[in-house]
Amino acid sequence: MPVLHGISDPGEVLVKKAIENGIDVFSIPGACAAISALICSGLDTKEFVFLGFLPLNKKLRKEKLEQIEAETKTIIIYEAPHKIKDTLNDLQKILENRKIVLARELTKIHEEFIRGEIDDIIKAAENLKGEMVLLIEGSNPKPKENALNSLSLDEHYKFYEEQGLDKKDIIKKIAKDRGVSKNEVYIHFVK
């Protein structure tokens, strides 16, 4: 008899027991809320982290929220309608201007995607019902503080030039130091 089971679902226990008892387990491709939400989110799909449901335990929840704050990949979490407000309020404390998407009732007649910043999502989620997937844009890591960044671009260039680096390598290093694209640096020096 087939068992319908999804990711982050109590059916996971049945699958484990079946395997332990030598029962074959098969996967039939179908809708997966996390992947369906990601595909339609408008957020980066190249790399993502699926966290399932956030823990209820305060210490574990705090650790998971810290992980979300630092994560550079798109984050996918599930949340129940009666907990969504608390989760959004927790996220509001740690997220800055990241894009957020709340997907609900996926593959159903009332499917909905609410996109915006955390304040927008909190307002929109006031009385929502149904299964929910919350997607959060990964953080944009700030470049490490580098004393060279206080120099002008020309001074920065001269610093590396004095070390014997060629123009191509100098531009790469300056771009990395400043957390900008090589093209931005290159354009400055071709004027």
C-alpha atoms as a PDB file:
ATOM      1  CA  MET A   1       0.000   0.000   0.000  1.00  0.00           C
ATOM      2  CA  PRO A   2       1.526   3.349  -1.006  1.00  0.00           C
ATOM      3  CA  VAL A   3       2.192   5.959   1.644  1.00  0.00           C
ATOM      4  CA  LEU A   4       1.927   9.597   0.627  1.00  0.00           C
ATOM      5  CA  HIS A   5       4.832  11.401   2.141  1.00  0.00           C
ATOM      6  CA  GLY A   6       6.424  14.780   1.704  1.00  0.00           C
ATOM      7  CA  ILE A   7       9.528  16.520   2.890  1.00  0.00           C
ATOM      8  CA  SER A   8       9.349  17.728   6.503  1.00  0.00           C
ATOM      9  CA  ASP A   9       6.308  15.500   7.000  1.00  0.00           C
ATOM     10  CA  PRO A  10       5.439  13.026   9.799  1.00  0.00           C
ATOM     11  CA  GLY A  11       5.364  10.314   7.120  1.00  0.00           C
ATOM     12  CA  GLU A  12       9.172  10.365   7.365  1.00  0.00           C
ATOM     13  CA  VAL A  13       8.817   8.040  10.390  1.00  0.00           C
ATOM     14  CA  LEU A  14       6.896   5.503   8.270  1.00  0.00           C
ATOM     15  CA  VAL A  15       9.564   5.565   5.563  1.00  0.00           C
ATOM     16  CA  LYS A  16      12.325   4.919   8.107  1.00  0.00           C
ATOM     17  CA  LYS A  17      10.357   2.022   9.672  1.00  0.00           C
ATOM     18  CA  ALA A  18       9.640   0.525   6.256  1.00  0.00           C
ATOM     19  CA  ILE A  19      13.340   0.599   5.363  1.00  0.00           C
ATOM     20  CA  GLU A  20      14.292  -0.905   8.742  1.00  0.00           C
ATOM     21  CA  ASN A  21      11.834  -3.747   8.064  1.00  0.00           C
ATOM     22  CA  GLY A  22      13.070  -4.456   4.555  1.00  0.00           C
ATOM     23  CA  ILE A  23      10.072  -2.938   2.809  1.00  0.00           C
ATOM     24  CA  ASP A  24      10.844  -1.270  -0.512  1.00  0.00           C
ATOM     25  CA  VAL A  25      10.189   2.462  -0.618  1.00  0.00           C
ATOM     26  CA  PHE A  26       9.566   4.243  -3.915  1.00  0.00           C
ATOM     27  CA  SER A  27       9.369   7.917  -4.743  1.00  0.00           C
ATOM     28  CA  ILE A  28       6.826   9.121  -7.238  1.00  0.00           C
ATOM     29  CA  PRO A  29       7.634  12.577  -8.593  1.00  0.00           C
ATOM     30  CA  GLY A  30       5.026  15.109  -7.713  1.00  0.00           C
ATOM     31  CA  ALA A  31       4.426  18.463  -6.149  1.00  0.00           C
ATOM     32  CA  CYS A  32       6.857  19.523  -3.453  1.00  0.00           C
ATOM     33  CA  ALA A  33       5.829  22.754  -1.761  1.00  0.00           C
ATOM     34  CA  ALA A  34       9.417  23.888  -1.094  1.00  0.00           C
ATOM     35  CA  ILE A  35      10.533  23.468  -4.711  1.00  0.00           C
ATOM     36  CA  SER A  36       7.285  24.782  -6.204  1.00  0.00           C
ATOM     37  CA  ALA A  37       7.531  27.891  -4.030  1.00  0.00           C
ATOM     38  CA  LEU A  38      11.201  28.401  -4.872  1.00  0.00           C
ATOM     39  CA  ILE A  39      10.599  28.125  -8.609  1.00  0.00           C
ATOM     40  CA  CYS A  40       7.870  30.802  -8.527  1.00  0.00           C
ATOM     41  CA  SER A  41       9.444  33.015  -5.862  1.00  0.00           C
ATOM     42  CA  GLY A  42      11.563  35.255  -8.039  1.00  0.00           C
ATOM     43  CA  LEU A  43      14.479  34.660  -5.655  1.00  0.00           C
ATOM     44  CA  ASP A  44      17.795  33.027  -6.518  1.00  0.00           C
ATOM     45  CA  THR A  45      17.275  29.333  -7.336  1.00  0.00           C
ATOM     46  CA  LYS A  46      20.908  28.346  -7.964  1.00  0.00           C
ATOM     47  CA  GLU A  47      21.538  27.507  -4.325  1.00  0.00           C
ATOM     48  CA  PHE A  48      19.114  27.246  -1.446  1.00  0.00           C
ATOM     49  CA  VAL A  49      18.781  25.910   2.083  1.00  0.00           C
ATOM     50  CA  PHE A  50      15.666  24.087   3.254  1.00  0.00           C
ATOM     51  CA  LEU A  51      15.140  24.350   7.019  1.00  0.00           C
ATOM     52  CA  GLY A  52      11.698  22.756   7.352  1.00  0.00           C
ATOM     53  CA  PHE A  53       9.719  23.995  10.351  1.00  0.00           C
ATOM     54  CA  LEU A  54      11.523  26.247  12.836  1.00  0.00           C
ATOM     55  CA  PRO A  55      11.997  24.697  16.290  1.00  0.00           C
ATOM     56  CA  LEU A  56       9.618  25.627  19.105  1.00  0.00           C
ATOM     57  CA  ASN A  57      12.359  25.360  21.750  1.00  0.00           C
ATOM     58  CA  LYS A  58      13.589  28.936  22.371  1.00  0.00           C
ATOM     59  CA  LYS A  59      17.303  28.088  22.392  1.00  0.00           C
ATOM     60  CA  LEU A  60      17.110  25.970  19.220  1.00  0.00           C
ATOM     61  CA  ARG A  61      14.909  28.564  17.543  1.00  0.00           C
ATOM     62  CA  LYS A  62      17.420  31.325  18.364  1.00  0.00           C
ATOM     63  CA  GLU A  63      20.206  29.236  16.809  1.00  0.00           C
ATOM     64  CA  LYS A  64      18.140  28.643  13.668  1.00  0.00           C
ATOM     65  CA  LEU A  65      17.321  32.373  13.399  1.00  0.00           C
ATOM     66  CA  GLU A  66      21.040  33.169  13.664  1.00  0.00           C
ATOM     67  CA  GLN A  67      21.644  30.696  10.832  1.00  0.00           C
ATOM     68  CA  ILE A  68      18.992  32.475   8.751  1.00  0.00           C
ATOM     69  CA  GLU A  69      20.563  35.857   9.488  1.00  0.00           C
ATOM     70  CA  ALA A  70      23.986  34.739   8.210  1.00  0.00           C
ATOM     71  CA  GLU A  71      22.847  32.498   5.321  1.00  0.00           C
ATOM     72  CA  THR A  72      23.830  33.723   1.854  1.00  0.00           C
ATOM     73  CA  LYS A  73      21.655  31.221  -0.039  1.00  0.00           C
ATOM     74  CA  THR A  74      17.891  31.477  -0.490  1.00  0.00           C
ATOM     75  CA  ILE A  75      16.229  30.060   2.631  1.00  0.00           C
ATOM     76  CA  ILE A  76      13.049  27.992   2.577  1.00  0.00           C
ATOM     77  CA  ILE A  77      11.018  27.287   5.704  1.00  0.00           C
ATOM     78  CA  TYR A  78       7.580  25.860   6.336  1.00  0.00           C
ATOM     79  CA  GLU A  79       5.206  27.472   8.801  1.00  0.00           C
ATOM     80  CA  ALA A  80       1.746  26.798  10.170  1.00  0.00           C
ATOM     81  CA  PRO A  81      -0.873  29.571   9.828  1.00  0.00           C
ATOM     82  CA  HIS A  82      -1.272  29.971  13.589  1.00  0.00           C
ATOM     83  CA  LYS A  83       2.520  30.476  14.005  1.00  0.00           C
ATOM     84  CA  ILE A  84       3.267  32.622  10.951  1.00  0.00           C
ATOM     85  CA  LYS A  85       2.857  35.943  12.772  1.00  0.00           C
ATOM     86  CA  ASP A  86       5.328  34.968  15.523  1.00  0.00           C
ATOM     87  CA  THR A  87       7.807  33.689  12.957  1.00  0.00           C
ATOM     88  CA  LEU A  88       7.562  36.872  10.902  1.00  0.00           C
ATOM     89  CA  ASN A  89       8.031  38.993  14.029  1.00  0.00           C
ATOM     90  CA  ASP A  90      11.136  36.955  14.951  1.00  0.00           C
ATOM     91  CA  LEU A  91      12.490  37.402  11.428  1.00  0.00           C
ATOM     92  CA  GLN A  92      11.774  41.137  11.508  1.00  0.00           C
ATOM     93  CA  LYS A  93      14.298  41.502  14.338  1.00  0.00           C
ATOM     94  CA  ILE A  94      17.151  40.002  12.284  1.00  0.00           C
ATOM     95  CA  LEU A  95      16.445  40.785   8.635  1.00  0.00           C
ATOM     96  CA  GLU A  96      17.282  44.065   7.031  1.00  0.00           C
ATOM     97  CA  ASN A  97      16.076  44.831   3.519  1.00  0.00           C
ATOM     98  CA  ARG A  98      15.922  41.278   2.249  1.00  0.00           C
ATOM     99  CA  LYS A  99      13.224  40.169  -0.148  1.00  0.00           C
ATOM    100  CA  ILE A 100      10.717  37.737   1.303  1.00  0.00           C
ATOM    101  CA  VAL A 101       8.062  35.619  -0.346  1.00  0.00           C
ATOM    102  CA  LEU A 102       5.177  33.980   1.460  1.00  0.00           C
ATOM    103  CA  ALA A 103       3.680  31.235  -0.688  1.00  0.00           C
ATOM    104  CA  ARG A 104       0.481  29.599   0.444  1.00  0.00           C
ATOM    105  CA  GLU A 105      -1.948  26.967  -0.725  1.00  0.00           C
ATOM    106  CA  LEU A 106       0.423  25.879  -3.481  1.00  0.00           C
ATOM    107  CA  THR A 107      -1.078  23.859  -6.334  1.00  0.00           C
ATOM    108  CA  LYS A 108      -4.576  24.615  -5.006  1.00  0.00           C
ATOM    109  CA  ILE A 109      -7.298  26.948  -6.214  1.00  0.00           C
ATOM    110  CA  HIS A 110      -6.365  29.722  -3.732  1.00  0.00           C
ATOM    111  CA  GLU A 111      -2.619  29.596  -4.463  1.00  0.00           C
ATOM    112  CA  GLU A 112      -1.038  32.927  -3.563  1.00  0.00           C
ATOM    113  CA  PHE A 113       2.415  34.518  -3.534  1.00  0.00           C
ATOM    114  CA  ILE A 114       2.955  37.559  -1.352  1.00  0.00           C
ATOM    115  CA  ARG A 115       6.248  39.282  -2.143  1.00  0.00           C
ATOM    116  CA  GLY A 116       7.961  42.180  -0.432  1.00  0.00           C
ATOM    117  CA  GLU A 117       9.960  43.191   2.590  1.00  0.00           C
ATOM    118  CA  ILE A 118       9.247  41.796   6.037  1.00  0.00           C
ATOM    119  CA  ASP A 119       6.906  44.672   7.057  1.00  0.00           C
ATOM    120  CA  ASP A 120       4.808  44.124   3.915  1.00  0.00           C
ATOM    121  CA  ILE A 121       4.565  40.395   4.581  1.00  0.00           C
ATOM    122  CA  ILE A 122       3.561  40.893   8.240  1.00  0.00           C
ATOM    123  CA  LYS A 123       0.677  43.156   7.203  1.00  0.00           C
ATOM    124  CA  ALA A 124      -0.470  40.797   4.458  1.00  0.00           C
ATOM    125  CA  ALA A 125      -0.280  37.698   6.681  1.00  0.00           C
ATOM    126  CA  GLU A 126      -2.700  39.014   9.295  1.00  0.00           C
ATOM    127  CA  ASN A 127      -5.535  36.518   8.668  1.00  0.00           C
ATOM    128  CA  LEU A 128      -4.118  33.999   6.234  1.00  0.00           C
ATOM    129  CA  LYS A 129      -4.959  30.325   6.372  1.00  0.00           C
ATOM    130  CA  GLY A 130      -3.579  27.260   4.666  1.00  0.00           C
ATOM    131  CA  GLU A 131      -0.202  25.645   4.165  1.00  0.00           C
ATOM    132  CA  MET A 132       2.621  28.193   4.033  1.00  0.00           C
ATOM    133  CA  VAL A 133       6.128  28.299   2.666  1.00  0.00           C
ATOM    134  CA  LEU A 134       8.318  31.242   3.573  1.00  0.00           C
ATOM    135  CA  LEU A 135      11.265  32.068   1.312  1.00  0.00           C
ATOM    136  CA  ILE A 136      13.948  34.528   2.351  1.00  0.00           C
ATOM    137  CA  GLU A 137      16.585  36.072   0.146  1.00  0.00           C
ATOM    138  CA  GLY A 138      20.099  35.154   1.250  1.00  0.00           C
ATOM    139  CA  SER A 139      22.156  37.811   2.973  1.00  0.00           C
ATOM    140  CA  ASN A 140      24.615  39.814   0.974  1.00  0.00           C
ATOM    141  CA  PRO A 141      27.846  39.410   2.930  1.00  0.00           C
ATOM    142  CA  LYS A 142      29.568  42.700   3.555  1.00  0.00           C
ATOM    143  CA  PRO A 143      33.171  42.836   2.431  1.00  0.00           C
ATOM    144  CA  LYS A 144      35.657  42.478   5.271  1.00  0.00           C
ATOM    145  CA  GLU A 145      37.060  45.740   6.533  1.00  0.00           C
ATOM    146  CA  ASN A 146      40.239  46.449   4.664  1.00  0.00           C
ATOM    147  CA  ALA A 147      42.520  49.420   5.362  1.00  0.00           C
ATOM    148  CA  LEU A 148      43.203  49.644   1.629  1.00  0.00           C
ATOM    149  CA  ASN A 149      39.563  50.609   1.043  1.00  0.00           C
ATOM    150  CA  SER A 150      40.176  53.980   2.679  1.00  0.00           C
ATOM    151  CA  LEU A 151      42.577  54.782  -0.168  1.00  0.00           C
ATOM    152  CA  SER A 152      41.423  56.304  -3.431  1.00  0.00           C
ATOM    153  CA  LEU A 153      41.174  53.832  -6.323  1.00  0.00           C
ATOM    154  CA  ASP A 154      44.373  55.271  -7.795  1.00  0.00           C
ATOM    155  CA  GLU A 155      46.242  54.883  -4.488  1.00  0.00           C
ATOM    156  CA  HIS A 156      44.832  51.378  -4.090  1.00  0.00           C
ATOM    157  CA  TYR A 157      46.049  50.542  -7.614  1.00  0.00           C
ATOM    158  CA  LYS A 158      49.518  51.986  -6.921  1.00  0.00           C
ATOM    159  CA  PHE A 159      49.803  49.863  -3.737  1.00  0.00           C
ATOM    160  CA  TYR A 160      49.419  46.628  -5.718  1.00  0.00           C
ATOM    161  CA  GLU A 161      51.461  47.931  -8.632  1.00  0.00           C
ATOM    162  CA  GLU A 162      54.391  48.465  -6.247  1.00  0.00           C
ATOM    163  CA  GLN A 163      54.099  44.784  -5.305  1.00  0.00           C
ATOM    164  CA  GLY A 164      54.783  43.899  -8.942  1.00  0.00           C
ATOM    165  CA  LEU A 165      51.284  42.742  -9.907  1.00  0.00           C
ATOM    166  CA  ASP A 166      50.029  43.209 -13.464  1.00  0.00           C
ATOM    167  CA  LYS A 167      46.959  45.331 -14.292  1.00  0.00           C
ATOM    168  CA  LYS A 168      44.571  42.356 -14.553  1.00  0.00           C
ATOM    169  CA  ASP A 169      45.552  41.002 -11.125  1.00  0.00           C
ATOM    170  CA  ILE A 170      45.455  44.464  -9.558  1.00  0.00           C
ATOM    171  CA  ILE A 171      41.891  44.994 -10.777  1.00  0.00           C
ATOM    172  CA  LYS A 172      40.862  41.577  -9.416  1.00  0.00           C
ATOM    173  CA  LYS A 173      42.383  42.334  -6.013  1.00  0.00           C
ATOM    174  CA  ILE A 174      40.823  45.807  -5.766  1.00  0.00           C
ATOM    175  CA  ALA A 175      37.402  44.402  -6.712  1.00  0.00           C
ATOM    176  CA  LYS A 176      37.718  41.684  -4.076  1.00  0.00           C
ATOM    177  CA  ASP A 177      38.926  44.145  -1.411  1.00  0.00           C
ATOM    178  CA  ARG A 178      36.016  46.493  -2.051  1.00  0.00           C
ATOM    179  CA  GLY A 179      33.332  43.871  -2.691  1.00  0.00           C
ATOM    180  CA  VAL A 180      32.510  45.197  -6.163  1.00  0.00           C
ATOM    181  CA  SER A 181      32.648  43.728  -9.655  1.00  0.00           C
ATOM    182  CA  LYS A 182      35.879  43.766 -11.648  1.00  0.00           C
ATOM    183  CA  ASN A 183      34.067  45.773 -14.340  1.00  0.00           C
ATOM    184  CA  GLU A 184      33.397  48.627 -11.912  1.00  0.00           C
ATOM    185  CA  VAL A 185      37.099  48.884 -11.126  1.00  0.00           C
ATOM    186  CA  TYR A 186      38.172  48.366 -14.724  1.00  0.00           C
ATOM    187  CA  ILE A 187      35.943  51.196 -15.969  1.00  0.00           C
ATOM    188  CA  HIS A 188      37.664  53.606 -13.584  1.00  0.00           C
ATOM    189  CA  PHE A 189      41.080  52.858 -15.103  1.00  0.00           C
ATOM    190  CA  VAL A 190      40.146  52.962 -18.793  1.00  0.00           C
ATOM    191  CA  LYS A 191      38.920  56.576 -18.636  1.00  0.00           C
END
